[in-house]
């Protein structure tokens, strides 16, 4: 596949065809990691470790427990 790099603001942009986006699991707004490997550009969807995600929890964004009513089955509380 051949694509053309085009000016986008002060940088450059590359159009990613829909079938490529679908195959690698990205959509508009998906964070990606960009690396240079042996002179080539490698773009991958950003992945997060559980540790990375837990580090982002603060007292301000911590969700408290929510009581949803009495047991309806064999739940253990």
PDB file of N, CA and C in Angstrom:
ATOM      1  N   UNK A   1       0.840  -1.171   0.000  1.00  0.00           N
ATOM      2  CA  UNK A   1       0.000   0.000   0.000  1.00  0.00           C
ATOM      3  C   UNK A   1       0.890   1.240   0.000  1.00  0.00           C
ATOM      4  N   UNK A   2       0.520   2.212  -0.767  1.00  0.00           N
ATOM      5  CA  UNK A   2       1.236   3.484  -0.821  1.00  0.00           C
ATOM      6  C   UNK A   2       0.317   4.563  -0.262  1.00  0.00           C
ATOM      7  N   UNK A   3       0.854   5.400   0.614  1.00  0.00           N
ATOM      8  CA  UNK A   3       0.108   6.527   1.167  1.00  0.00           C
ATOM      9  C   UNK A   3       0.974   7.769   1.018  1.00  0.00           C
ATOM     10  N   UNK A   4       0.359   8.923   1.146  1.00  0.00           N
ATOM     11  CA  UNK A   4       1.080  10.184   0.982  1.00  0.00           C
ATOM     12  C   UNK A   4       1.002  10.973   2.283  1.00  0.00           C
ATOM     13  N   UNK A   5       2.154  11.426   2.744  1.00  0.00           N
ATOM     14  CA  UNK A   5       2.236  12.293   3.915  1.00  0.00           C
ATOM     15  C   UNK A   5       1.832  13.698   3.473  1.00  0.00           C
ATOM     16  N   UNK A   6       0.932  14.329   4.252  1.00  0.00           N
ATOM     17  CA  UNK A   6       0.470  15.678   3.911  1.00  0.00           C
ATOM     18  C   UNK A   6       0.646  16.607   5.105  1.00  0.00           C
ATOM     19  N   UNK A   7       0.785  17.897   4.807  1.00  0.00           N
ATOM     20  CA  UNK A   7       0.910  18.915   5.848  1.00  0.00           C
ATOM     21  C   UNK A   7      -0.388  18.964   6.650  1.00  0.00           C
ATOM     22  N   UNK A   8      -0.229  19.031   7.973  1.00  0.00           N
ATOM     23  CA  UNK A   8      -1.377  19.122   8.864  1.00  0.00           C
ATOM     24  C   UNK A   8      -0.980  20.069   9.989  1.00  0.00           C
ATOM     25  N   UNK A   9      -1.418  21.324   9.896  1.00  0.00           N
ATOM     26  CA  UNK A   9      -0.997  22.346  10.849  1.00  0.00           C
ATOM     27  C   UNK A   9       0.501  22.560  10.733  1.00  0.00           C
ATOM     28  N   UNK A  10       1.206  22.512  11.862  1.00  0.00           N
ATOM     29  CA  UNK A  10       2.660  22.651  11.856  1.00  0.00           C
ATOM     30  C   UNK A  10       3.370  21.314  11.687  1.00  0.00           C
ATOM     31  N   UNK A  11       2.599  20.242  11.578  1.00  0.00           N
ATOM     32  CA  UNK A  11       3.190  18.910  11.457  1.00  0.00           C
ATOM     33  C   UNK A  11       2.804  18.256  10.149  1.00  0.00           C
ATOM     34  N   UNK A  12       2.890  16.948  10.154  1.00  0.00           N
ATOM     35  CA  UNK A  12       2.536  16.152   8.986  1.00  0.00           C
ATOM     36  C   UNK A  12       1.531  15.096   9.401  1.00  0.00           C
ATOM     37  N   UNK A  13       0.679  14.696   8.469  1.00  0.00           N
ATOM     38  CA  UNK A  13      -0.335  13.700   8.755  1.00  0.00           C
ATOM     39  C   UNK A  13      -0.338  12.589   7.728  1.00  0.00           C
ATOM     40  N   UNK A  14      -0.879  11.463   8.129  1.00  0.00           N
ATOM     41  CA  UNK A  14      -0.980  10.293   7.267  1.00  0.00           C
ATOM     42  C   UNK A  14      -2.398   9.762   7.363  1.00  0.00           C
ATOM     43  N   UNK A  15      -3.058   9.612   6.242  1.00  0.00           N
ATOM     44  CA  UNK A  15      -4.411   9.063   6.214  1.00  0.00           C
ATOM     45  C   UNK A  15      -4.334   7.558   6.436  1.00  0.00           C
ATOM     46  N   UNK A  16      -5.101   7.051   7.398  1.00  0.00           N
ATOM     47  CA  UNK A  16      -5.161   5.609   7.655  1.00  0.00           C
ATOM     48  C   UNK A  16      -6.482   5.101   7.096  1.00  0.00           C
ATOM     49  N   UNK A  17      -6.436   4.248   6.072  1.00  0.00           N
ATOM     50  CA  UNK A  17      -7.673   3.725   5.491  1.00  0.00           C
ATOM     51  C   UNK A  17      -8.499   2.961   6.532  1.00  0.00           C
ATOM     52  N   UNK A  18      -9.810   2.973   6.360  1.00  0.00           N
ATOM     53  CA  UNK A  18     -10.722   2.351   7.317  1.00  0.00           C
ATOM     54  C   UNK A  18     -10.394   0.879   7.549  1.00  0.00           C
ATOM     55  N   UNK A  19     -10.067   0.136   6.501  1.00  0.00           N
ATOM     56  CA  UNK A  19      -9.807  -1.293   6.690  1.00  0.00           C
ATOM     57  C   UNK A  19      -8.553  -1.523   7.538  1.00  0.00           C
ATOM     58  N   UNK A  20      -7.569  -0.628   7.450  1.00  0.00           N
ATOM     59  CA  UNK A  20      -6.366  -0.738   8.278  1.00  0.00           C
ATOM     60  C   UNK A  20      -6.723  -0.394   9.727  1.00  0.00           C
ATOM     61  N   UNK A  21      -7.479   0.679   9.921  1.00  0.00           N
ATOM     62  CA  UNK A  21      -7.893   1.084  11.266  1.00  0.00           C
ATOM     63  C   UNK A  21      -8.679  -0.032  11.941  1.00  0.00           C
ATOM     64  N   UNK A  22      -9.572  -0.649  11.196  1.00  0.00           N
ATOM     65  CA  UNK A  22     -10.392  -1.726  11.742  1.00  0.00           C
ATOM     66  C   UNK A  22      -9.524  -2.917  12.133  1.00  0.00           C
ATOM     67  N   UNK A  23      -8.578  -3.252  11.280  1.00  0.00           N
ATOM     68  CA  UNK A  23      -7.726  -4.415  11.536  1.00  0.00           C
ATOM     69  C   UNK A  23      -6.857  -4.241  12.783  1.00  0.00           C
ATOM     70  N   UNK A  24      -6.384  -3.021  13.038  1.00  0.00           N
ATOM     71  CA  UNK A  24      -5.544  -2.819  14.225  1.00  0.00           C
ATOM     72  C   UNK A  24      -6.341  -2.307  15.430  1.00  0.00           C
ATOM     73  N   UNK A  25      -7.648  -2.118  15.261  1.00  0.00           N
ATOM     74  CA  UNK A  25      -8.515  -1.767  16.383  1.00  0.00           C
ATOM     75  C   UNK A  25      -8.443  -0.321  16.827  1.00  0.00           C
ATOM     76  N   UNK A  26      -8.294   0.605  15.873  1.00  0.00           N
ATOM     77  CA  UNK A  26      -8.297   2.022  16.231  1.00  0.00           C
ATOM     78  C   UNK A  26      -9.467   2.732  15.575  1.00  0.00           C
ATOM     79  N   UNK A  27      -9.868   3.833  16.192  1.00  0.00           N
ATOM     80  CA  UNK A  27     -10.917   4.682  15.632  1.00  0.00           C
ATOM     81  C   UNK A  27     -10.564   6.119  15.963  1.00  0.00           C
ATOM     82  N   UNK A  28     -11.363   7.039  15.534  1.00  0.00           N
ATOM     83  CA  UNK A  28     -11.119   8.456  15.806  1.00  0.00           C
ATOM     84  C   UNK A  28     -10.970   8.675  17.309  1.00  0.00           C
ATOM     85  N   UNK A  29      -9.869   9.272  17.720  1.00  0.00           N
ATOM     86  CA  UNK A  29      -9.638   9.556  19.133  1.00  0.00           C
ATOM     87  C   UNK A  29      -8.840   8.502  19.879  1.00  0.00           C
ATOM     88  N   UNK A  30      -8.502   7.383  19.238  1.00  0.00           N
ATOM     89  CA  UNK A  30      -7.727   6.335  19.905  1.00  0.00           C
ATOM     90  C   UNK A  30      -6.292   6.805  20.132  1.00  0.00           C
ATOM     91  N   UNK A  31      -5.799   6.757  21.379  1.00  0.00           N
ATOM     92  CA  UNK A  31      -4.394   7.102  21.611  1.00  0.00           C
ATOM     93  C   UNK A  31      -3.487   6.037  20.992  1.00  0.00           C
ATOM     94  N   UNK A  32      -2.393   6.464  20.391  1.00  0.00           N
ATOM     95  CA  UNK A  32      -1.446   5.523  19.792  1.00  0.00           C
ATOM     96  C   UNK A  32      -0.027   5.867  20.240  1.00  0.00           C
ATOM     97  N   UNK A  33       0.829   4.867  20.225  1.00  0.00           N
ATOM     98  CA  UNK A  33       2.260   5.070  20.443  1.00  0.00           C
ATOM     99  C   UNK A  33       2.924   5.110  19.081  1.00  0.00           C
ATOM    100  N   UNK A  34       3.835   6.063  18.886  1.00  0.00           N
ATOM    101  CA  UNK A  34       4.582   6.181  17.635  1.00  0.00           C
ATOM    102  C   UNK A  34       6.054   5.997  17.966  1.00  0.00           C
ATOM    103  N   UNK A  35       6.692   5.056  17.274  1.00  0.00           N
ATOM    104  CA  UNK A  35       8.115   4.789  17.487  1.00  0.00           C
ATOM    105  C   UNK A  35       8.824   4.757  16.145  1.00  0.00           C
ATOM    106  N   UNK A  36      10.113   5.021  16.188  1.00  0.00           N
ATOM    107  CA  UNK A  36      10.949   4.851  15.002  1.00  0.00           C
ATOM    108  C   UNK A  36      11.781   3.598  15.239  1.00  0.00           C
ATOM    109  N   UNK A  37      11.636   2.616  14.359  1.00  0.00           N
ATOM    110  CA  UNK A  37      12.359   1.352  14.465  1.00  0.00           C
ATOM    111  C   UNK A  37      13.097   1.110  13.163  1.00  0.00           C
ATOM    112  N   UNK A  38      14.408   1.078  13.224  1.00  0.00           N
ATOM    113  CA  UNK A  38      15.240   0.851  12.036  1.00  0.00           C
ATOM    114  C   UNK A  38      14.854   1.769  10.878  1.00  0.00           C
ATOM    115  N   UNK A  39      14.607   3.038  11.175  1.00  0.00           N
ATOM    116  CA  UNK A  39      14.285   4.009  10.140  1.00  0.00           C
ATOM    117  C   UNK A  39      12.854   3.961   9.639  1.00  0.00           C
ATOM    118  N   UNK A  40      12.002   3.153  10.278  1.00  0.00           N
ATOM    119  CA  UNK A  40      10.587   3.065   9.890  1.00  0.00           C
ATOM    120  C   UNK A  40       9.708   3.591  11.022  1.00  0.00           C
ATOM    121  N   UNK A  41       8.542   4.109  10.656  1.00  0.00           N
ATOM    122  CA  UNK A  41       7.575   4.586  11.642  1.00  0.00           C
ATOM    123  C   UNK A  41       6.672   3.413  12.017  1.00  0.00           C
ATOM    124  N   UNK A  42       6.555   3.153  13.316  1.00  0.00           N
ATOM    125  CA  UNK A  42       5.668   2.095  13.807  1.00  0.00           C
ATOM    126  C   UNK A  42       4.599   2.763  14.664  1.00  0.00           C
ATOM    127  N   UNK A  43       3.333   2.551  14.309  1.00  0.00           N
ATOM    128  CA  UNK A  43       2.201   3.128  15.038  1.00  0.00           C
ATOM    129  C   UNK A  43       1.388   1.979  15.614  1.00  0.00           C
ATOM    130  N   UNK A  44       1.194   1.992  16.942  1.00  0.00           N
ATOM    131  CA  UNK A  44       0.438   0.931  17.611  1.00  0.00           C
ATOM    132  C   UNK A  44      -0.579   1.552  18.555  1.00  0.00           C
ATOM    133  N   UNK A  45      -1.750   0.920  18.693  1.00  0.00           N
ATOM    134  CA  UNK A  45      -2.704   1.408  19.691  1.00  0.00           C
ATOM    135  C   UNK A  45      -2.044   1.392  21.069  1.00  0.00           C
ATOM    136  N   UNK A  46      -2.295   2.417  21.841  1.00  0.00           N
ATOM    137  CA  UNK A  46      -1.712   2.530  23.181  1.00  0.00           C
ATOM    138  C   UNK A  46      -2.286   1.442  24.071  1.00  0.00           C
ATOM    139  N   UNK A  47      -1.442   0.784  24.834  1.00  0.00           N
ATOM    140  CA  UNK A  47      -1.906  -0.203  25.809  1.00  0.00           C
ATOM    141  C   UNK A  47      -1.518   0.283  27.199  1.00  0.00           C
ATOM    142  N   UNK A  48      -2.301  -0.109  28.177  1.00  0.00           N
ATOM    143  CA  UNK A  48      -2.081   0.322  29.549  1.00  0.00           C
ATOM    144  C   UNK A  48      -1.969  -0.904  30.444  1.00  0.00           C
ATOM    145  N   UNK A  49      -1.058  -0.852  31.404  1.00  0.00           N
ATOM    146  CA  UNK A  49      -0.969  -1.923  32.394  1.00  0.00           C
ATOM    147  C   UNK A  49      -1.936  -1.589  33.528  1.00  0.00           C
ATOM    148  N   UNK A  50      -2.276  -2.592  34.305  1.00  0.00           N
ATOM    149  CA  UNK A  50      -3.142  -2.360  35.454  1.00  0.00           C
ATOM    150  C   UNK A  50      -2.493  -1.348  36.397  1.00  0.00           C
ATOM    151  N   UNK A  51      -1.183  -1.438  36.555  1.00  0.00           N
ATOM    152  CA  UNK A  51      -0.465  -0.497  37.417  1.00  0.00           C
ATOM    153  C   UNK A  51      -0.611   0.941  36.906  1.00  0.00           C
ATOM    154  N   UNK A  52      -0.497   1.133  35.572  1.00  0.00           N
ATOM    155  CA  UNK A  52      -0.677   2.471  34.987  1.00  0.00           C
ATOM    156  C   UNK A  52      -2.065   3.016  35.301  1.00  0.00           C
ATOM    157  N   UNK A  53      -3.079   2.171  35.158  1.00  0.00           N
ATOM    158  CA  UNK A  53      -4.458   2.609  35.389  1.00  0.00           C
ATOM    159  C   UNK A  53      -4.706   2.911  36.864  1.00  0.00           C
ATOM    160  N   UNK A  54      -4.215   2.040  37.751  1.00  0.00           N
ATOM    161  CA  UNK A  54      -4.416   2.263  39.183  1.00  0.00           C
ATOM    162  C   UNK A  54      -3.697   3.515  39.667  1.00  0.00           C
ATOM    163  N   UNK A  55      -2.554   3.827  39.064  1.00  0.00           N
ATOM    164  CA  UNK A  55      -1.814   5.036  39.437  1.00  0.00           C
ATOM    165  C   UNK A  55      -2.602   6.310  39.141  1.00  0.00           C
ATOM    166  N   UNK A  56      -3.589   6.230  38.267  1.00  0.00           N
ATOM    167  CA  UNK A  56      -4.371   7.408  37.894  1.00  0.00           C
ATOM    168  C   UNK A  56      -5.546   7.665  38.834  1.00  0.00           C
ATOM    169  N   UNK A  57      -5.810   6.732  39.762  1.00  0.00           N
ATOM    170  CA  UNK A  57      -6.917   6.914  40.701  1.00  0.00           C
ATOM    171  C   UNK A  57      -6.502   7.902  41.784  1.00  0.00           C
ATOM    172  N   UNK A  58      -7.351   8.893  41.992  1.00  0.00           N
ATOM    173  CA  UNK A  58      -7.122   9.893  43.034  1.00  0.00           C
ATOM    174  C   UNK A  58      -8.366   9.951  43.917  1.00  0.00           C
ATOM    175  N   UNK A  59      -8.289  10.577  45.078  1.00  0.00           N
ATOM    176  CA  UNK A  59      -9.493  10.724  45.904  1.00  0.00           C
ATOM    177  C   UNK A  59     -10.616  11.461  45.157  1.00  0.00           C
ATOM    178  N   UNK A  60     -10.245  12.342  44.219  1.00  0.00           N
ATOM    179  CA  UNK A  60     -11.248  13.118  43.482  1.00  0.00           C
ATOM    180  C   UNK A  60     -11.986  12.289  42.431  1.00  0.00           C
ATOM    181  N   UNK A  61     -11.339  11.268  41.849  1.00  0.00           N
ATOM    182  CA  UNK A  61     -12.022  10.508  40.794  1.00  0.00           C
ATOM    183  C   UNK A  61     -12.373   9.086  41.219  1.00  0.00           C
ATOM    184  N   UNK A  62     -12.182   8.754  42.498  1.00  0.00           N
ATOM    185  CA  UNK A  62     -12.496   7.424  43.003  1.00  0.00           C
ATOM    186  C   UNK A  62     -14.007   7.263  43.123  1.00  0.00           C
ATOM    187  N   UNK A  63     -14.544   6.218  42.534  1.00  0.00           N
ATOM    188  CA  UNK A  63     -15.978   5.935  42.627  1.00  0.00           C
ATOM    189  C   UNK A  63     -16.248   5.159  43.911  1.00  0.00           C
ATOM    190  N   UNK A  64     -17.220   5.575  44.634  1.00  0.00           N
ATOM    191  CA  UNK A  64     -17.597   4.899  45.875  1.00  0.00           C
ATOM    192  C   UNK A  64     -18.522   3.732  45.555  1.00  0.00           C
ATOM    193  N   UNK A  65     -18.713   2.859  46.557  1.00  0.00           N
ATOM    194  CA  UNK A  65     -19.627   1.738  46.376  1.00  0.00           C
ATOM    195  C   UNK A  65     -21.044   2.272  46.179  1.00  0.00           C
ATOM    196  N   UNK A  66     -21.809   1.562  45.384  1.00  0.00           N
ATOM    197  CA  UNK A  66     -23.193   1.939  45.135  1.00  0.00           C
ATOM    198  C   UNK A  66     -24.078   0.776  45.558  1.00  0.00           C
ATOM    199  N   UNK A  67     -25.020   1.031  46.460  1.00  0.00           N
ATOM    200  CA  UNK A  67     -25.953  -0.004  46.887  1.00  0.00           C
ATOM    201  C   UNK A  67     -27.042  -0.133  45.825  1.00  0.00           C
ATOM    202  N   UNK A  68     -27.198  -1.319  45.285  1.00  0.00           N
ATOM    203  CA  UNK A  68     -28.168  -1.524  44.207  1.00  0.00           C
ATOM    204  C   UNK A  68     -29.370  -2.342  44.645  1.00  0.00           C
ATOM    205  N   UNK A  69     -29.564  -2.477  45.952  1.00  0.00           N
ATOM    206  CA  UNK A  69     -30.720  -3.212  46.429  1.00  0.00           C
ATOM    207  C   UNK A  69     -30.316  -4.523  47.085  1.00  0.00           C
ATOM    208  N   UNK A  70     -31.304  -5.301  47.423  1.00  0.00           N
ATOM    209  CA  UNK A  70     -31.073  -6.579  48.088  1.00  0.00           C
ATOM    210  C   UNK A  70     -30.602  -7.634  47.098  1.00  0.00           C
ATOM    211  N   UNK A  71     -30.069  -8.739  47.647  1.00  0.00           N
ATOM    212  CA  UNK A  71     -29.618  -9.835  46.797  1.00  0.00           C
ATOM    213  C   UNK A  71     -30.787 -10.384  45.998  1.00  0.00           C
ATOM    214  N   UNK A  72     -30.502 -10.822  44.787  1.00  0.00           N
ATOM    215  CA  UNK A  72     -31.559 -11.406  43.964  1.00  0.00           C
ATOM    216  C   UNK A  72     -31.227 -12.840  43.582  1.00  0.00           C
ATOM    217  N   UNK A  73     -30.098 -13.335  44.037  1.00  0.00           N
ATOM    218  CA  UNK A  73     -29.675 -14.693  43.696  1.00  0.00           C
ATOM    219  C   UNK A  73     -28.787 -15.237  44.783  1.00  0.00           C
ATOM    220  N   UNK A  74     -27.687 -15.834  44.390  1.00  0.00           N
ATOM    221  CA  UNK A  74     -26.775 -16.446  45.352  1.00  0.00           C
ATOM    222  C   UNK A  74     -25.534 -15.596  45.605  1.00  0.00           C
ATOM    223  N   UNK A  75     -25.653 -14.276  45.475  1.00  0.00           N
ATOM    224  CA  UNK A  75     -24.508 -13.413  45.704  1.00  0.00           C
ATOM    225  C   UNK A  75     -24.036 -13.530  47.148  1.00  0.00           C
ATOM    226  N   UNK A  76     -22.751 -13.392  47.363  1.00  0.00           N
ATOM    227  CA  UNK A  76     -22.178 -13.404  48.709  1.00  0.00           C
ATOM    228  C   UNK A  76     -21.709 -11.999  49.021  1.00  0.00           C
ATOM    229  N   UNK A  77     -22.223 -11.401  50.088  1.00  0.00           N
ATOM    230  CA  UNK A  77     -21.804 -10.045  50.449  1.00  0.00           C
ATOM    231  C   UNK A  77     -21.088 -10.098  51.739  1.00  0.00           C
TER     232      UNK A  77
END
